Amino acid sequence: MAGVGGTGYLGKRLVKASLAQGHPTYVLQRLDDAVHIEKIELLLSFKEQGAHLVSGSFDDHQSLVDAVKLVDVVISAISGVHLRSHHILIQLKLVDAIKEAGNIKRFLPSEFGTDPARMDNAMEPGRVTFDDKMAVRKAIQEAGIPFTYVSANCFAGYFVGAIYVDEDDIAMYTIKTIDDPRTLNKTLYLRPPQNILSQREVVEIWEKLIGKQLQKSSIFKEEFLTNMKRDGAEEASQLYPEIKYTTVHEHMKDPNHALS
């Protein structure tokens, strides 16, 4: 397995999960990593744990091709937060390298949020992110690259939404998919059943933890999460029941996660 963006927020968790599950793990070390002490320290710690560091640059196509040829699975965890155009360009460069290398059995692009294929009616400015992800998907499928798309909905470290998934659990589920034929050319949904909550249910957990009632008003809502199961998709906690995922209650009870 090769990780791109391995020193990032989710990327470092993916590297740790890959090592924990016994996969030979390669991490792309970009030239600009050398100016960040924290990234260098993290990369060295990965190396001590058995990961292989591979030099490469998105400005050097051949270096990417050479890196890709060392592995059979590529996972991208590049953040798109800062420079949108830069993010999609990097993803497309990676697709080009994988296509030329011709040896990759599975590619997991940098998605991990809401499934863009279900966001046709999203409004600006948010929909641009979904359009970008669909452009990358189109390039992957036109290139004939085997893939798995991971849809994790809400990262717990950012906010508890209708479907919450702990970041370490996202990494564990993702690594489970890379040699699983059930997830080949499919979307994997991370929707642990105990973590599918309405906003009212989330507030009720808060109330129990802080020991007081909060002022609130209620509105009617359509039943959440209908028609989840569809062709071309699988749900992670059903495929991998051996993973004991972190529940919303456990996450919110953790003293490291302050309530406000």
C-alpha atoms as a PDB file:
ATOM      1  CA  MET A   1       0.000   0.000   0.000  1.00  0.00           C
ATOM      2  CA  ALA A   2       1.256   3.476  -0.868  1.00  0.00           C
ATOM      3  CA  GLY A   3      -0.062   6.493   1.003  1.00  0.00           C
ATOM      4  CA  VAL A   4      -0.151   9.957  -0.552  1.00  0.00           C
ATOM      5  CA  GLY A   5      -0.707  12.726   1.994  1.00  0.00           C
ATOM      6  CA  GLY A   6       0.495  10.389   4.732  1.00  0.00           C
ATOM      7  CA  THR A   7       1.449  13.157   7.165  1.00  0.00           C
ATOM      8  CA  GLY A   8      -1.962  14.838   7.035  1.00  0.00           C
ATOM      9  CA  TYR A   9      -4.957  14.732   9.354  1.00  0.00           C
ATOM     10  CA  LEU A  10      -6.394  11.470   8.023  1.00  0.00           C
ATOM     11  CA  GLY A  11      -3.294  10.294   6.169  1.00  0.00           C
ATOM     12  CA  LYS A  12      -1.266   9.627   9.306  1.00  0.00           C
ATOM     13  CA  ARG A  13      -4.092   7.480  10.635  1.00  0.00           C
ATOM     14  CA  LEU A  14      -4.224   5.516   7.388  1.00  0.00           C
ATOM     15  CA  VAL A  15      -0.491   4.814   7.600  1.00  0.00           C
ATOM     16  CA  LYS A  16      -0.820   3.613  11.205  1.00  0.00           C
ATOM     17  CA  ALA A  17      -3.816   1.425  10.327  1.00  0.00           C
ATOM     18  CA  SER A  18      -1.977  -0.100   7.369  1.00  0.00           C
ATOM     19  CA  LEU A  19       1.025  -0.932   9.544  1.00  0.00           C
ATOM     20  CA  ALA A  20      -1.216  -2.294  12.294  1.00  0.00           C
ATOM     21  CA  GLN A  21      -2.912  -4.638   9.819  1.00  0.00           C
ATOM     22  CA  GLY A  22       0.437  -5.929   8.593  1.00  0.00           C
ATOM     23  CA  HIS A  23       0.524  -4.443   5.097  1.00  0.00           C
ATOM     24  CA  PRO A  24       3.843  -3.452   3.504  1.00  0.00           C
ATOM     25  CA  THR A  25       3.399   0.308   3.665  1.00  0.00           C
ATOM     26  CA  TYR A  26       5.011   3.008   1.539  1.00  0.00           C
ATOM     27  CA  VAL A  27       4.592   6.723   2.209  1.00  0.00           C
ATOM     28  CA  LEU A  28       5.244   9.331  -0.469  1.00  0.00           C
ATOM     29  CA  GLN A  29       7.749  11.854   0.870  1.00  0.00           C
ATOM     30  CA  ARG A  30       7.392  15.088  -1.064  1.00  0.00           C
ATOM     31  CA  LEU A  31      10.160  17.649  -1.372  1.00  0.00           C
ATOM     32  CA  ASP A  32       8.152  20.310   0.450  1.00  0.00           C
ATOM     33  CA  ASP A  33       7.898  18.004   3.486  1.00  0.00           C
ATOM     34  CA  ALA A  34      11.539  18.833   4.250  1.00  0.00           C
ATOM     35  CA  VAL A  35      10.635  22.354   5.405  1.00  0.00           C
ATOM     36  CA  HIS A  36       8.148  21.123   8.029  1.00  0.00           C
ATOM     37  CA  ILE A  37       9.813  19.769  11.170  1.00  0.00           C
ATOM     38  CA  GLU A  38       6.601  18.108  12.362  1.00  0.00           C
ATOM     39  CA  LYS A  39       6.219  16.232   9.072  1.00  0.00           C
ATOM     40  CA  ILE A  40       9.838  15.092   9.109  1.00  0.00           C
ATOM     41  CA  GLU A  41       9.433  13.772  12.661  1.00  0.00           C
ATOM     42  CA  LEU A  42       6.244  11.947  11.690  1.00  0.00           C
ATOM     43  CA  LEU A  43       7.836  10.408   8.605  1.00  0.00           C
ATOM     44  CA  LEU A  44      10.797   9.208  10.661  1.00  0.00           C
ATOM     45  CA  SER A  45       8.452   7.658  13.205  1.00  0.00           C
ATOM     46  CA  PHE A  46       6.664   5.825  10.378  1.00  0.00           C
ATOM     47  CA  LYS A  47      10.031   4.544   9.165  1.00  0.00           C
ATOM     48  CA  GLU A  48      10.870   3.277  12.655  1.00  0.00           C
ATOM     49  CA  GLN A  49       7.561   1.379  12.665  1.00  0.00           C
ATOM     50  CA  GLY A  50       8.429  -0.354   9.401  1.00  0.00           C
ATOM     51  CA  ALA A  51       7.083   1.957   6.700  1.00  0.00           C
ATOM     52  CA  HIS A  52       9.105   2.707   3.577  1.00  0.00           C
ATOM     53  CA  LEU A  53       9.594   6.352   2.566  1.00  0.00           C
ATOM     54  CA  VAL A  54       9.515   7.032  -1.171  1.00  0.00           C
ATOM     55  CA  SER A  55      10.603  10.366  -2.635  1.00  0.00           C
ATOM     56  CA  GLY A  56       8.339  11.931  -5.231  1.00  0.00           C
ATOM     57  CA  SER A  57       6.958  15.214  -6.490  1.00  0.00           C
ATOM     58  CA  PHE A  58       3.736  16.193  -8.200  1.00  0.00           C
ATOM     59  CA  ASP A  59       5.865  18.416 -10.404  1.00  0.00           C
ATOM     60  CA  ASP A  60       7.823  15.355 -11.586  1.00  0.00           C
ATOM     61  CA  HIS A  61       5.561  12.873 -13.365  1.00  0.00           C
ATOM     62  CA  GLN A  62       8.222  10.181 -13.661  1.00  0.00           C
ATOM     63  CA  SER A  63       8.907  10.244  -9.919  1.00  0.00           C
ATOM     64  CA  LEU A  64       5.216   9.517  -9.310  1.00  0.00           C
ATOM     65  CA  VAL A  65       5.208   6.691 -11.851  1.00  0.00           C
ATOM     66  CA  ASP A  66       8.318   5.187 -10.233  1.00  0.00           C
ATOM     67  CA  ALA A  67       6.707   5.393  -6.775  1.00  0.00           C
ATOM     68  CA  VAL A  68       3.454   3.824  -7.976  1.00  0.00           C
ATOM     69  CA  LYS A  69       5.322   0.891  -9.542  1.00  0.00           C
ATOM     70  CA  LEU A  70       6.541  -0.142  -6.073  1.00  0.00           C
ATOM     71  CA  VAL A  71       3.043  -1.004  -4.805  1.00  0.00           C
ATOM     72  CA  ASP A  72      -0.277  -2.495  -5.884  1.00  0.00           C
ATOM     73  CA  VAL A  73      -2.619  -0.205  -3.908  1.00  0.00           C
ATOM     74  CA  VAL A  74      -2.587   3.607  -3.743  1.00  0.00           C
ATOM     75  CA  ILE A  75      -4.518   5.620  -1.161  1.00  0.00           C
ATOM     76  CA  SER A  76      -4.698   9.394  -1.488  1.00  0.00           C
ATOM     77  CA  ALA A  77      -5.460  11.459   1.597  1.00  0.00           C
ATOM     78  CA  ILE A  78      -4.591  14.876   0.217  1.00  0.00           C
ATOM     79  CA  SER A  79      -6.489  17.686   1.870  1.00  0.00           C
ATOM     80  CA  GLY A  80      -8.552  19.974  -0.326  1.00  0.00           C
ATOM     81  CA  VAL A  81      -9.130  22.596   2.339  1.00  0.00           C
ATOM     82  CA  HIS A  82      -6.652  25.264   1.294  1.00  0.00           C
ATOM     83  CA  LEU A  83      -6.282  25.402  -2.480  1.00  0.00           C
ATOM     84  CA  ARG A  84      -9.136  23.789  -4.353  1.00  0.00           C
ATOM     85  CA  SER A  85      -7.605  24.012  -7.835  1.00  0.00           C
ATOM     86  CA  HIS A  86      -4.293  22.634  -6.511  1.00  0.00           C
ATOM     87  CA  HIS A  87      -6.090  19.725  -4.861  1.00  0.00           C
ATOM     88  CA  ILE A  88      -7.904  18.516  -7.983  1.00  0.00           C
ATOM     89  CA  LEU A  89      -4.777  19.017 -10.114  1.00  0.00           C
ATOM     90  CA  ILE A  90      -2.761  16.791  -7.772  1.00  0.00           C
ATOM     91  CA  GLN A  91      -5.428  14.107  -7.871  1.00  0.00           C
ATOM     92  CA  LEU A  92      -5.507  14.130 -11.662  1.00  0.00           C
ATOM     93  CA  LYS A  93      -1.691  13.953 -11.828  1.00  0.00           C
ATOM     94  CA  LEU A  94      -1.849  10.919  -9.577  1.00  0.00           C
ATOM     95  CA  VAL A  95      -4.447   9.305 -11.842  1.00  0.00           C
ATOM     96  CA  ASP A  96      -2.148   9.887 -14.838  1.00  0.00           C
ATOM     97  CA  ALA A  97       0.781   8.256 -13.016  1.00  0.00           C
ATOM     98  CA  ILE A  98      -1.309   5.248 -12.001  1.00  0.00           C
ATOM     99  CA  LYS A  99      -2.572   4.845 -15.562  1.00  0.00           C
ATOM    100  CA  GLU A 100       0.959   4.886 -16.976  1.00  0.00           C
ATOM    101  CA  ALA A 101       2.351   2.534 -14.325  1.00  0.00           C
ATOM    102  CA  GLY A 102      -0.360   0.009 -15.155  1.00  0.00           C
ATOM    103  CA  ASN A 103       0.154  -2.199 -12.099  1.00  0.00           C
ATOM    104  CA  ILE A 104      -2.305  -0.843  -9.544  1.00  0.00           C
ATOM    105  CA  LYS A 105      -4.984  -3.260  -8.291  1.00  0.00           C
ATOM    106  CA  ARG A 106      -6.861  -0.639  -6.271  1.00  0.00           C
ATOM    107  CA  PHE A 107      -6.918   3.163  -6.035  1.00  0.00           C
ATOM    108  CA  LEU A 108      -8.689   5.029  -3.250  1.00  0.00           C
ATOM    109  CA  PRO A 109      -8.840   8.727  -4.136  1.00  0.00           C
ATOM    110  CA  SER A 110      -9.052  11.508  -1.583  1.00  0.00           C
ATOM    111  CA  GLU A 111     -12.767  11.543  -0.766  1.00  0.00           C
ATOM    112  CA  PHE A 112     -13.826  10.301   2.701  1.00  0.00           C
ATOM    113  CA  GLY A 113     -16.699  12.780   3.075  1.00  0.00           C
ATOM    114  CA  THR A 114     -20.236  12.844   1.674  1.00  0.00           C
ATOM    115  CA  ASP A 115     -20.752  10.759  -1.471  1.00  0.00           C
ATOM    116  CA  PRO A 116     -20.538  13.306  -4.334  1.00  0.00           C
ATOM    117  CA  ALA A 117     -22.629  11.044  -6.582  1.00  0.00           C
ATOM    118  CA  ARG A 118     -25.617  11.834  -4.356  1.00  0.00           C
ATOM    119  CA  MET A 119     -25.091  15.589  -4.313  1.00  0.00           C
ATOM    120  CA  ASP A 120     -26.592  16.636  -7.650  1.00  0.00           C
ATOM    121  CA  ASN A 121     -28.807  19.169  -5.892  1.00  0.00           C
ATOM    122  CA  ALA A 122     -26.090  20.680  -3.681  1.00  0.00           C
ATOM    123  CA  MET A 123     -25.961  24.472  -3.722  1.00  0.00           C
ATOM    124  CA  GLU A 124     -23.028  26.799  -4.239  1.00  0.00           C
ATOM    125  CA  PRO A 125     -20.490  27.388  -2.881  1.00  0.00           C
ATOM    126  CA  GLY A 126     -20.421  23.907  -1.356  1.00  0.00           C
ATOM    127  CA  ARG A 127     -21.225  21.957  -4.489  1.00  0.00           C
ATOM    128  CA  VAL A 128     -17.900  22.823  -6.138  1.00  0.00           C
ATOM    129  CA  THR A 129     -16.199  20.261  -3.886  1.00  0.00           C
ATOM    130  CA  PHE A 130     -18.572  17.548  -5.067  1.00  0.00           C
ATOM    131  CA  ASP A 131     -18.090  18.555  -8.711  1.00  0.00           C
ATOM    132  CA  ASP A 132     -14.315  18.264  -8.271  1.00  0.00           C
ATOM    133  CA  LYS A 133     -14.590  14.799  -6.765  1.00  0.00           C
ATOM    134  CA  MET A 134     -16.829  13.678  -9.599  1.00  0.00           C
ATOM    135  CA  ALA A 135     -14.259  14.987 -12.101  1.00  0.00           C
ATOM    136  CA  VAL A 136     -11.604  12.826 -10.438  1.00  0.00           C
ATOM    137  CA  ARG A 137     -13.954   9.827 -10.471  1.00  0.00           C
ATOM    138  CA  LYS A 138     -14.582  10.359 -14.175  1.00  0.00           C
ATOM    139  CA  ALA A 139     -10.826  10.384 -14.862  1.00  0.00           C
ATOM    140  CA  ILE A 140     -10.341   7.195 -12.815  1.00  0.00           C
ATOM    141  CA  GLN A 141     -13.067   5.322 -14.620  1.00  0.00           C
ATOM    142  CA  GLU A 142     -12.026   6.539 -18.072  1.00  0.00           C
ATOM    143  CA  ALA A 143      -8.498   5.322 -17.314  1.00  0.00           C
ATOM    144  CA  GLY A 144      -9.848   1.894 -16.349  1.00  0.00           C
ATOM    145  CA  ILE A 145      -8.256   2.034 -12.880  1.00  0.00           C
ATOM    146  CA  PRO A 146      -9.742  -0.349 -10.260  1.00  0.00           C
ATOM    147  CA  PHE A 147     -11.096   1.756  -7.395  1.00  0.00           C
ATOM    148  CA  THR A 148     -12.896   2.002  -4.087  1.00  0.00           C
ATOM    149  CA  TYR A 149     -14.543   5.251  -3.009  1.00  0.00           C
ATOM    150  CA  VAL A 150     -14.871   5.751   0.751  1.00  0.00           C
ATOM    151  CA  SER A 151     -17.742   7.880   2.039  1.00  0.00           C
ATOM    152  CA  ALA A 152     -17.373   8.623   5.762  1.00  0.00           C
ATOM    153  CA  ASN A 153     -19.832  11.514   6.096  1.00  0.00           C
ATOM    154  CA  CYS A 154     -18.775  13.497   9.215  1.00  0.00           C
ATOM    155  CA  PHE A 155     -15.329  13.405  10.821  1.00  0.00           C
ATOM    156  CA  ALA A 156     -15.842  13.269  14.566  1.00  0.00           C
ATOM    157  CA  GLY A 157     -12.969  15.644  15.232  1.00  0.00           C
ATOM    158  CA  TYR A 158     -14.750  18.389  13.300  1.00  0.00           C
ATOM    159  CA  PHE A 159     -18.344  17.959  14.427  1.00  0.00           C
ATOM    160  CA  VAL A 160     -20.900  15.323  15.328  1.00  0.00           C
ATOM    161  CA  GLY A 161     -23.388  15.223  12.495  1.00  0.00           C
ATOM    162  CA  ALA A 162     -26.229  12.926  11.537  1.00  0.00           C
ATOM    163  CA  ILE A 163     -23.683  10.170  10.826  1.00  0.00           C
ATOM    164  CA  TYR A 164     -20.548  10.294  12.920  1.00  0.00           C
ATOM    165  CA  VAL A 165     -17.356   8.281  12.320  1.00  0.00           C
ATOM    166  CA  ASP A 166     -14.223   8.434  14.436  1.00  0.00           C
ATOM    167  CA  GLU A 167     -11.141   9.248  12.346  1.00  0.00           C
ATOM    168  CA  ASP A 168      -9.202   6.192  13.548  1.00  0.00           C
ATOM    169  CA  ASP A 169     -12.174   4.021  12.608  1.00  0.00           C
ATOM    170  CA  ILE A 170     -12.241   5.610   9.141  1.00  0.00           C
ATOM    171  CA  ALA A 171      -8.619   4.572   8.700  1.00  0.00           C
ATOM    172  CA  MET A 172      -9.195   1.011   9.914  1.00  0.00           C
ATOM    173  CA  TYR A 173     -12.208   0.459   7.657  1.00  0.00           C
ATOM    174  CA  THR A 174     -10.375   1.983   4.695  1.00  0.00           C
ATOM    175  CA  ILE A 175      -7.378  -0.326   5.019  1.00  0.00           C
ATOM    176  CA  LYS A 176      -9.705  -3.318   5.356  1.00  0.00           C
ATOM    177  CA  THR A 177     -11.073  -2.630   1.865  1.00  0.00           C
ATOM    178  CA  ILE A 178      -7.840  -2.640  -0.100  1.00  0.00           C
ATOM    179  CA  ASP A 179      -7.711  -6.392  -0.768  1.00  0.00           C
ATOM    180  CA  ASP A 180     -11.406  -7.160  -0.308  1.00  0.00           C
ATOM    181  CA  PRO A 181     -13.121  -8.176  -3.583  1.00  0.00           C
ATOM    182  CA  ARG A 182     -16.492  -7.088  -2.152  1.00  0.00           C
ATOM    183  CA  THR A 183     -15.428  -3.434  -2.343  1.00  0.00           C
ATOM    184  CA  LEU A 184     -13.750  -3.492  -5.770  1.00  0.00           C
ATOM    185  CA  ASN A 185     -15.163  -0.755  -8.027  1.00  0.00           C
ATOM    186  CA  LYS A 186     -17.701   0.186  -5.396  1.00  0.00           C
ATOM    187  CA  THR A 187     -18.421   2.950  -2.912  1.00  0.00           C
ATOM    188  CA  LEU A 188     -17.918   1.998   0.731  1.00  0.00           C
ATOM    189  CA  TYR A 189     -20.246   3.795   3.134  1.00  0.00           C
ATOM    190  CA  LEU A 190     -19.092   4.261   6.721  1.00  0.00           C
ATOM    191  CA  ARG A 191     -22.388   4.392   8.608  1.00  0.00           C
ATOM    192  CA  PRO A 192     -22.021   2.552  11.929  1.00  0.00           C
ATOM    193  CA  PRO A 193     -25.599   1.884  13.092  1.00  0.00           C
ATOM    194  CA  GLN A 194     -25.093   3.170  16.637  1.00  0.00           C
ATOM    195  CA  ASN A 195     -23.739   6.438  15.221  1.00  0.00           C
ATOM    196  CA  ILE A 196     -26.676   7.376  13.001  1.00  0.00           C
ATOM    197  CA  LEU A 197     -28.321  10.003  15.165  1.00  0.00           C
ATOM    198  CA  SER A 198     -30.731  12.866  14.794  1.00  0.00           C
ATOM    199  CA  GLN A 199     -29.699  16.243  16.179  1.00  0.00           C
ATOM    200  CA  ARG A 200     -32.179  15.688  19.010  1.00  0.00           C
ATOM    201  CA  GLU A 201     -30.443  12.446  19.977  1.00  0.00           C
ATOM    202  CA  VAL A 202     -27.055  14.182  19.954  1.00  0.00           C
ATOM    203  CA  VAL A 203     -28.433  16.925  22.223  1.00  0.00           C
ATOM    204  CA  GLU A 204     -29.846  14.310  24.586  1.00  0.00           C
ATOM    205  CA  ILE A 205     -26.385  12.759  24.950  1.00  0.00           C
ATOM    206  CA  TRP A 206     -24.969  16.209  25.726  1.00  0.00           C
ATOM    207  CA  GLU A 207     -27.654  16.771  28.347  1.00  0.00           C
ATOM    208  CA  LYS A 208     -26.841  13.497  30.109  1.00  0.00           C
ATOM    209  CA  LEU A 209     -23.118  14.249  30.101  1.00  0.00           C
ATOM    210  CA  ILE A 210     -23.418  17.816  31.411  1.00  0.00           C
ATOM    211  CA  GLY A 211     -26.279  17.031  33.797  1.00  0.00           C
ATOM    212  CA  LYS A 212     -28.748  19.688  32.679  1.00  0.00           C
ATOM    213  CA  GLN A 213     -31.519  20.293  30.184  1.00  0.00           C
ATOM    214  CA  LEU A 214     -30.898  22.565  27.208  1.00  0.00           C
ATOM    215  CA  GLN A 215     -33.482  24.854  25.672  1.00  0.00           C
ATOM    216  CA  LYS A 216     -34.552  23.547  22.285  1.00  0.00           C
ATOM    217  CA  SER A 217     -37.357  23.482  19.781  1.00  0.00           C
ATOM    218  CA  SER A 218     -38.455  20.565  17.618  1.00  0.00           C
ATOM    219  CA  ILE A 219     -39.362  20.326  13.951  1.00  0.00           C
ATOM    220  CA  PHE A 220     -40.666  17.411  11.921  1.00  0.00           C
ATOM    221  CA  LYS A 221     -38.143  15.706   9.682  1.00  0.00           C
ATOM    222  CA  GLU A 222     -38.225  13.111   6.925  1.00  0.00           C
ATOM    223  CA  GLU A 223     -37.021   9.723   7.971  1.00  0.00           C
ATOM    224  CA  PHE A 224     -33.257   9.746   7.781  1.00  0.00           C
ATOM    225  CA  LEU A 225     -31.101   7.494   5.646  1.00  0.00           C
ATOM    226  CA  THR A 226     -33.592   5.852   3.276  1.00  0.00           C
ATOM    227  CA  ASN A 227     -32.533   3.633   0.441  1.00  0.00           C
ATOM    228  CA  MET A 228     -28.956   3.443   1.731  1.00  0.00           C
ATOM    229  CA  LYS A 229     -28.291   0.127   0.095  1.00  0.00           C
ATOM    230  CA  ARG A 230     -27.952   0.422  -3.649  1.00  0.00           C
ATOM    231  CA  ASP A 231     -26.003  -1.156  -6.478  1.00  0.00           C
ATOM    232  CA  GLY A 232     -22.330  -0.297  -6.398  1.00  0.00           C
ATOM    233  CA  ALA A 233     -22.166   0.371  -2.648  1.00  0.00           C
ATOM    234  CA  GLU A 234     -21.387  -1.505   0.575  1.00  0.00           C
ATOM    235  CA  GLU A 235     -21.563  -0.530   4.257  1.00  0.00           C
ATOM    236  CA  ALA A 236     -18.353  -0.884   6.250  1.00  0.00           C
ATOM    237  CA  SER A 237     -19.570  -2.010   9.673  1.00  0.00           C
ATOM    238  CA  GLN A 238     -21.522  -4.869   8.072  1.00  0.00           C
ATOM    239  CA  LEU A 239     -18.530  -6.000   6.011  1.00  0.00           C
ATOM    240  CA  TYR A 240     -16.099  -5.773   8.942  1.00  0.00           C
ATOM    241  CA  PRO A 241     -18.037  -6.514  12.167  1.00  0.00           C
ATOM    242  CA  GLU A 242     -14.751  -7.380  13.910  1.00  0.00           C
ATOM    243  CA  ILE A 243     -13.908  -3.671  14.150  1.00  0.00           C
ATOM    244  CA  LYS A 244     -15.286  -2.225  17.385  1.00  0.00           C
ATOM    245  CA  TYR A 245     -16.015   1.278  16.214  1.00  0.00           C
ATOM    246  CA  THR A 246     -16.118   4.278  18.560  1.00  0.00           C
ATOM    247  CA  THR A 247     -19.703   5.287  19.329  1.00  0.00           C
ATOM    248  CA  VAL A 248     -20.918   8.862  19.560  1.00  0.00           C
ATOM    249  CA  HIS A 249     -21.425   8.462  23.307  1.00  0.00           C
ATOM    250  CA  GLU A 250     -17.858   7.184  23.810  1.00  0.00           C
ATOM    251  CA  HIS A 251     -16.442  10.018  21.734  1.00  0.00           C
ATOM    252  CA  MET A 252     -18.400  12.710  23.557  1.00  0.00           C
ATOM    253  CA  LYS A 253     -17.529  11.231  26.964  1.00  0.00           C
ATOM    254  CA  ASP A 254     -13.806  11.389  26.179  1.00  0.00           C
ATOM    255  CA  PRO A 255     -12.284  14.249  28.245  1.00  0.00           C
ATOM    256  CA  ASN A 256     -10.118  15.176  25.258  1.00  0.00           C
ATOM    257  CA  HIS A 257     -13.241  16.277  23.395  1.00  0.00           C
ATOM    258  CA  ALA A 258     -14.616  19.361  25.129  1.00  0.00           C
ATOM    259  CA  LEU A 259     -18.343  20.038  25.031  1.00  0.00           C
ATOM    260  CA  SER A 260     -19.569  23.505  24.259  1.00  0.00           C
END
